[in-house]
């Protein structure tokens, strides 16, 4: 039987992120590649921390095991100011972990997540009061792909959000090891049509939509029903748009060593800045700088910049 680690709080939130948190082991250049840096990951947890470091009030909705890794994640969220009142402790399951290795072709992931506590989420385990306390509910393709019950929980969370006037943000984060392309296409196309803020990655929507032109991909997301689209183009920057405005966001010059979590950082920073009052273009430029800075260190979380670091980089870029 699942149990909550603490009573659900009442703090109003800018963003409530939902998904699977993970403990990370990231290969470094030391010891001939045999040394790994212990860190943290999970796309929506990364997103939550990125938004919190930009000054947003953020919470998390998930489950962890009653184990050392679950306790490490709770300690992380406490340090980062991320409210974990919506995170359940499941004594019958484990907290997922993954390994990152690096070679000339980039970074590669090995996941140990099947049957994790987060994958056992269901509509019945949701902390609905936390959803109602937020301005934006954020989830991703991974949130919906880790299990059928987690997908059902994500849909229930979106329904509660819509009924409560809470916006929905969605990052595609397509992972083909988790589900078939046909199911991914059906679910993601549906969710893009339901979301207020769509945060797709280029390769994801190329696979889902069968289009390759960035503007055509943005147009299709808007046509499906997304209110705002921020298409992430990696080293090529981004395109941000709504029904009446569109901006091409140039990449920020950086010295990348590990791109793990850069897209999550972009999304968290982008949504945080929109909620802070930035216009579409300003939020896009800010998020592009934050994502670039996040590639300059190892791990998904450690290199995520703070608001002050991003502002400093923006000032230097303008000069």
Protein backbone atom coordinates (compact mmCIF):
# COMPACT_ATOMS: atom_id res chain seq x y z
CA UNK A 1 0.00 0.00 0.00
CA UNK A 2 1.34 3.44 -0.93
CA UNK A 3 1.80 6.03 1.77
CA UNK A 4 2.41 9.74 1.64
CA UNK A 5 5.64 10.94 3.18
CA UNK A 6 4.05 14.08 4.53
CA UNK A 7 0.67 15.79 4.50
CA UNK A 8 -0.20 17.67 1.34
CA UNK A 9 0.73 21.31 1.63
CA UNK A 10 -1.24 24.42 0.84
CA UNK A 11 1.48 26.56 -0.76
CA UNK A 12 0.23 28.11 -4.01
CA UNK A 13 2.42 27.04 -6.91
CA UNK A 14 3.43 28.58 -10.21
CA UNK A 15 4.23 25.15 -11.65
CA UNK A 16 3.45 21.58 -10.64
CA UNK A 17 5.51 19.07 -12.64
CA UNK A 18 4.44 15.44 -12.92
CA UNK A 19 6.50 12.41 -13.91
CA UNK A 20 9.30 10.06 -12.95
CA UNK A 21 12.31 11.33 -10.96
CA UNK A 22 15.54 9.36 -11.22
CA UNK A 23 18.99 9.12 -9.68
CA UNK A 24 21.73 9.53 -12.25
CA UNK A 25 25.22 8.09 -12.63
CA UNK A 26 27.07 10.11 -15.27
CA UNK A 27 30.33 8.94 -16.80
CA UNK A 28 33.18 11.43 -16.41
CA UNK A 29 36.50 11.66 -18.20
CA UNK A 30 38.35 10.39 -15.16
CA UNK A 31 39.78 6.92 -14.59
CA UNK A 32 39.58 5.87 -18.21
CA UNK A 33 35.81 6.27 -18.17
CA UNK A 34 35.33 4.06 -15.11
CA UNK A 35 34.35 6.88 -12.75
CA UNK A 36 30.77 8.11 -12.55
CA UNK A 37 29.36 11.24 -10.95
CA UNK A 38 26.21 10.61 -8.91
CA UNK A 39 23.55 13.14 -9.75
CA UNK A 40 19.85 13.39 -10.46
CA UNK A 41 17.56 13.26 -13.45
CA UNK A 42 14.10 12.50 -14.70
CA UNK A 43 12.90 14.99 -17.28
CA UNK A 44 10.08 16.59 -15.32
CA UNK A 45 12.15 16.78 -12.12
CA UNK A 46 14.88 18.52 -14.12
CA UNK A 47 12.23 20.88 -15.49
CA UNK A 48 10.96 21.60 -11.97
CA UNK A 49 14.43 22.41 -10.66
CA UNK A 50 15.22 24.60 -13.67
CA UNK A 51 12.03 26.59 -13.09
CA UNK A 52 12.74 26.87 -9.36
CA UNK A 53 16.25 28.20 -10.01
CA UNK A 54 14.67 30.95 -12.11
CA UNK A 55 12.54 32.00 -9.14
CA UNK A 56 9.26 30.17 -9.78
CA UNK A 57 7.29 28.48 -6.99
CA UNK A 58 7.41 24.84 -8.01
CA UNK A 59 6.05 21.51 -6.79
CA UNK A 60 6.38 17.91 -7.91
CA UNK A 61 3.79 15.16 -8.37
CA UNK A 62 5.16 11.62 -8.41
CA UNK A 63 6.16 8.60 -6.31
CA UNK A 64 9.48 7.26 -5.03
CA UNK A 65 10.48 4.06 -3.31
CA UNK A 66 11.18 3.74 0.40
CA UNK A 67 14.89 3.54 -0.35
CA UNK A 68 18.13 5.52 -0.30
CA UNK A 69 17.54 6.95 -3.78
CA UNK A 70 14.08 8.19 -2.89
CA UNK A 71 15.51 9.92 0.16
CA UNK A 72 18.27 11.48 -1.96
CA UNK A 73 15.64 12.93 -4.29
CA UNK A 74 13.59 14.35 -1.42
CA UNK A 75 16.71 15.98 -0.02
CA UNK A 76 17.45 17.42 -3.46
CA UNK A 77 13.97 18.93 -3.79
CA UNK A 78 14.24 20.38 -0.29
CA UNK A 79 17.52 22.08 -1.23
CA UNK A 80 16.04 23.39 -4.46
CA UNK A 81 12.83 24.68 -2.88
CA UNK A 82 10.63 22.24 -4.82
CA UNK A 83 7.52 21.28 -2.85
CA UNK A 84 7.31 17.46 -2.65
CA UNK A 85 3.96 17.26 -0.84
CA UNK A 86 2.53 15.60 -3.95
CA UNK A 87 5.22 12.89 -4.01
CA UNK A 88 4.14 9.57 -2.49
CA UNK A 89 6.38 6.94 -0.94
CA UNK A 90 5.65 3.45 -2.26
CA UNK A 91 7.24 0.83 0.04
CA UNK A 92 6.52 -1.93 -2.50
CA UNK A 93 8.54 -0.38 -5.34
CA UNK A 94 11.92 1.20 -6.03
CA UNK A 95 13.22 4.57 -7.19
CA UNK A 96 14.48 4.42 -10.78
CA UNK A 97 18.13 5.01 -11.72
CA UNK A 98 20.01 5.51 -15.00
CA UNK A 99 23.55 5.68 -16.33
CA UNK A 100 24.95 8.14 -18.88
CA UNK A 101 27.97 7.25 -21.02
CA UNK A 102 29.78 9.48 -23.52
CA UNK A 103 31.62 8.88 -26.78
CA UNK A 104 32.35 10.63 -30.07
CA UNK A 105 28.70 10.29 -31.07
CA UNK A 106 27.33 12.03 -27.98
CA UNK A 107 25.72 10.83 -24.75
CA UNK A 108 23.90 7.52 -24.27
CA UNK A 109 21.46 6.39 -21.57
CA UNK A 110 20.88 3.07 -19.82
CA UNK A 111 17.73 3.04 -17.68
CA UNK A 112 16.64 0.80 -14.81
CA UNK A 113 13.03 1.85 -14.35
CA UNK A 114 10.59 -0.97 -15.18
CA UNK A 115 8.23 -1.32 -12.20
CA UNK A 116 9.48 1.83 -10.47
CA UNK A 117 7.39 3.65 -7.87
CA UNK A 118 6.57 6.41 -10.36
CA UNK A 119 5.40 3.88 -12.96
CA UNK A 120 2.82 2.67 -10.39
CA UNK A 121 1.08 6.05 -10.26
CA UNK A 122 -2.64 5.93 -11.03
CA UNK A 123 -5.57 8.35 -11.00
CA UNK A 124 -6.39 7.16 -7.47
CA UNK A 125 -2.96 8.18 -6.10
CA UNK A 126 -2.99 11.76 -7.37
CA UNK A 127 -2.80 14.67 -4.93
CA UNK A 128 -5.55 16.65 -6.64
CA UNK A 129 -5.25 19.58 -4.25
CA UNK A 130 -1.70 20.19 -5.47
CA UNK A 131 -2.95 20.40 -9.07
CA UNK A 132 -5.62 22.90 -8.07
CA UNK A 133 -2.99 24.99 -6.26
CA UNK A 134 -0.88 25.51 -9.39
CA UNK A 135 -0.95 27.95 -12.29
CA UNK A 136 0.60 25.42 -14.69
CA UNK A 137 0.65 21.60 -14.68
CA UNK A 138 3.66 20.26 -16.58
CA UNK A 139 4.08 16.73 -17.89
CA UNK A 140 5.91 14.95 -20.69
CA UNK A 141 5.79 12.03 -23.05
CA UNK A 142 7.83 10.05 -20.53
CA UNK A 143 5.25 10.81 -17.83
CA UNK A 144 2.72 9.01 -20.03
CA UNK A 145 4.93 6.24 -21.44
CA UNK A 146 6.30 4.57 -18.30
CA UNK A 147 3.09 2.55 -17.76
CA UNK A 148 -0.57 2.40 -18.66
CA UNK A 149 -1.59 3.46 -15.13
CA UNK A 150 0.82 6.42 -15.24
CA UNK A 151 -0.70 7.47 -18.57
CA UNK A 152 -4.16 7.26 -17.01
CA UNK A 153 -2.90 9.37 -14.10
CA UNK A 154 -1.52 11.98 -16.49
CA UNK A 155 -4.88 12.24 -18.26
CA UNK A 156 -6.68 12.52 -14.92
CA UNK A 157 -4.26 15.26 -13.86
CA UNK A 158 -4.89 17.18 -17.09
CA UNK A 159 -8.64 16.88 -16.64
CA UNK A 160 -8.37 18.21 -13.08
CA UNK A 161 -6.16 21.04 -14.29
CA UNK A 162 -8.58 22.07 -17.02
CA UNK A 163 -11.54 21.89 -14.64
CA UNK A 164 -9.65 24.13 -12.19
CA UNK A 165 -8.45 26.75 -14.69
CA UNK A 166 -4.85 25.51 -14.53
CA UNK A 167 -2.79 25.68 -17.72
CA UNK A 168 -1.13 22.53 -19.10
CA UNK A 169 2.45 22.45 -20.41
CA UNK A 170 3.68 19.42 -22.34
CA UNK A 171 7.15 18.33 -23.49
CA UNK A 172 7.14 15.52 -26.05
CA UNK A 173 10.34 13.77 -24.86
CA UNK A 174 9.80 10.75 -27.09
CA UNK A 175 11.49 7.56 -25.85
CA UNK A 176 10.94 4.67 -28.26
CA UNK A 177 12.11 2.08 -25.74
CA UNK A 178 9.05 2.89 -23.64
CA UNK A 179 6.28 2.55 -26.21
CA UNK A 180 5.52 2.01 -29.89
CA UNK A 181 5.58 4.86 -32.37
CA UNK A 182 1.89 4.32 -33.13
CA UNK A 183 0.87 4.68 -29.48
CA UNK A 184 3.26 7.59 -28.97
CA UNK A 185 1.83 9.35 -32.02
CA UNK A 186 -1.77 8.85 -30.90
CA UNK A 187 -1.21 9.98 -27.31
CA UNK A 188 1.10 12.90 -28.07
CA UNK A 189 -1.07 14.25 -30.87
CA UNK A 190 -4.01 14.21 -28.48
CA UNK A 191 -2.09 15.88 -25.64
CA UNK A 192 -0.62 18.58 -27.90
CA UNK A 193 -4.21 19.47 -28.73
CA UNK A 194 -5.03 19.77 -25.02
CA UNK A 195 -2.02 21.80 -23.87
CA UNK A 196 -1.61 25.53 -23.44
CA UNK A 197 2.18 25.46 -23.74
CA UNK A 198 3.78 22.89 -26.05
CA UNK A 199 7.53 22.24 -25.69
CA UNK A 200 8.44 19.75 -28.44
CA UNK A 201 11.92 18.70 -29.48
CA UNK A 202 12.60 18.69 -33.22
CA UNK A 203 13.46 14.98 -33.60
CA UNK A 204 10.40 14.00 -31.56
CA UNK A 205 7.85 15.83 -33.69
CA UNK A 206 9.56 14.82 -36.94
CA UNK A 207 8.98 11.20 -35.88
CA UNK A 208 5.42 11.87 -34.73
CA UNK A 209 4.23 14.13 -37.54
CA UNK A 210 6.30 13.05 -40.54
CA UNK A 211 7.28 16.66 -41.30
CA UNK A 212 10.78 18.14 -41.32
CA UNK A 213 10.46 21.90 -41.75
CA UNK A 214 10.52 23.65 -38.34
CA UNK A 215 7.84 26.14 -39.29
CA UNK A 216 5.59 23.36 -40.59
CA UNK A 217 6.04 21.50 -37.32
CA UNK A 218 5.14 24.60 -35.32
CA UNK A 219 2.12 25.19 -37.57
CA UNK A 220 0.92 21.63 -37.00
CA UNK A 221 1.19 21.95 -33.19
CA UNK A 222 -0.81 25.19 -33.33
CA UNK A 223 -3.34 23.61 -35.69
CA UNK A 224 -3.84 20.72 -33.27
CA UNK A 225 -4.74 23.23 -30.55
CA UNK A 226 -1.60 24.21 -28.62
CA UNK A 227 -1.72 27.81 -27.45
CA UNK A 228 2.03 28.50 -27.36
CA UNK A 229 4.73 26.41 -29.05
CA UNK A 230 8.45 26.45 -28.26
CA UNK A 231 10.14 24.08 -30.73
CA UNK A 232 13.60 23.14 -29.46
CA UNK A 233 16.19 22.80 -32.22
CA UNK A 234 19.24 21.90 -30.13
CA UNK A 235 22.37 23.60 -31.42
CA UNK A 236 20.22 25.52 -33.93
CA UNK A 237 18.27 27.37 -31.23
CA UNK A 238 14.47 27.37 -31.15
CA UNK A 239 11.28 28.67 -32.71
CA UNK A 240 8.65 30.15 -30.40
CA UNK A 241 5.17 31.01 -31.59
CA UNK A 242 1.53 31.50 -30.78
CA UNK A 243 -1.41 32.20 -33.03
CA UNK A 244 -0.19 35.65 -34.06
CA UNK A 245 3.58 35.89 -33.36
CA UNK A 246 6.61 33.81 -34.31
CA UNK A 247 10.28 34.27 -33.47
CA UNK A 248 13.42 32.38 -34.42
CA UNK A 249 15.64 32.18 -31.33
CA UNK A 250 19.36 32.01 -32.07
CA UNK A 251 21.49 29.59 -30.04
CA UNK A 252 23.69 30.98 -27.28
CA UNK A 253 27.42 30.38 -27.71
CA UNK A 254 28.73 27.93 -25.11
CA UNK A 255 31.31 25.22 -24.48
CA UNK A 256 29.21 22.07 -24.16
CA UNK A 257 30.47 18.93 -22.42
CA UNK A 258 27.16 17.17 -21.65
CA UNK A 259 23.76 17.98 -23.13
CA UNK A 260 21.84 15.84 -20.62
CA UNK A 261 18.80 17.80 -19.43
CA UNK A 262 19.36 20.84 -21.64
CA UNK A 263 15.90 20.58 -23.18
CA UNK A 264 14.34 20.24 -19.74
CA UNK A 265 16.20 23.37 -18.65
CA UNK A 266 14.90 25.24 -21.70
CA UNK A 267 11.33 24.24 -20.87
CA UNK A 268 11.53 25.06 -17.17
CA UNK A 269 13.13 28.44 -17.82
CA UNK A 270 10.70 29.26 -20.64
CA UNK A 271 7.57 28.55 -18.63
CA UNK A 272 8.97 30.26 -15.52
CA UNK A 273 9.67 33.43 -17.48
CA UNK A 274 6.26 33.42 -19.18
CA UNK A 275 4.66 33.21 -15.74
CA UNK A 276 6.93 36.02 -14.53
CA UNK A 277 5.49 38.26 -17.26
CA UNK A 278 8.03 38.02 -20.09
CA UNK A 279 6.70 38.20 -23.63
CA UNK A 280 7.15 35.25 -25.96
CA UNK A 281 10.39 36.41 -27.59
CA UNK A 282 12.03 37.48 -24.34
CA UNK A 283 11.17 34.19 -22.66
CA UNK A 284 12.56 32.31 -25.66
CA UNK A 285 15.90 34.11 -25.59
CA UNK A 286 16.16 33.62 -21.84
CA UNK A 287 15.43 29.89 -22.12
CA UNK A 288 17.97 29.43 -24.92
CA UNK A 289 20.70 30.95 -22.75
CA UNK A 290 19.69 28.83 -19.75
CA UNK A 291 19.77 25.64 -21.87
CA UNK A 292 23.19 26.49 -23.30
CA UNK A 293 24.67 27.12 -19.86
CA UNK A 294 23.24 23.78 -18.68
CA UNK A 295 25.47 21.94 -21.20
CA UNK A 296 28.70 23.29 -19.72
CA UNK A 297 28.86 20.76 -16.87
CA UNK A 298 28.19 17.08 -16.33
CA UNK A 299 24.81 15.81 -15.22
CA UNK A 300 21.21 16.82 -15.72
CA UNK A 301 20.83 18.98 -12.59
CA UNK A 302 24.16 20.27 -11.30
CA UNK A 303 24.86 22.63 -14.26
CA UNK A 304 21.35 24.12 -14.46
CA UNK A 305 21.96 27.88 -14.09
CA UNK A 306 20.30 30.21 -11.63
CA UNK A 307 18.40 33.34 -12.60
CA UNK A 308 21.42 35.51 -11.78
CA UNK A 309 23.71 33.40 -13.98
CA UNK A 310 21.33 33.61 -16.92
CA UNK A 311 20.90 37.36 -16.51
CA UNK A 312 24.69 37.82 -16.41
CA UNK A 313 25.04 35.82 -19.64
CA UNK A 314 22.26 37.82 -21.29
CA UNK A 315 23.96 41.09 -20.39
CA UNK A 316 27.29 39.84 -21.73
CA UNK A 317 25.60 38.69 -24.95
CA UNK A 318 23.94 42.06 -25.45
CA UNK A 319 27.28 43.82 -24.94
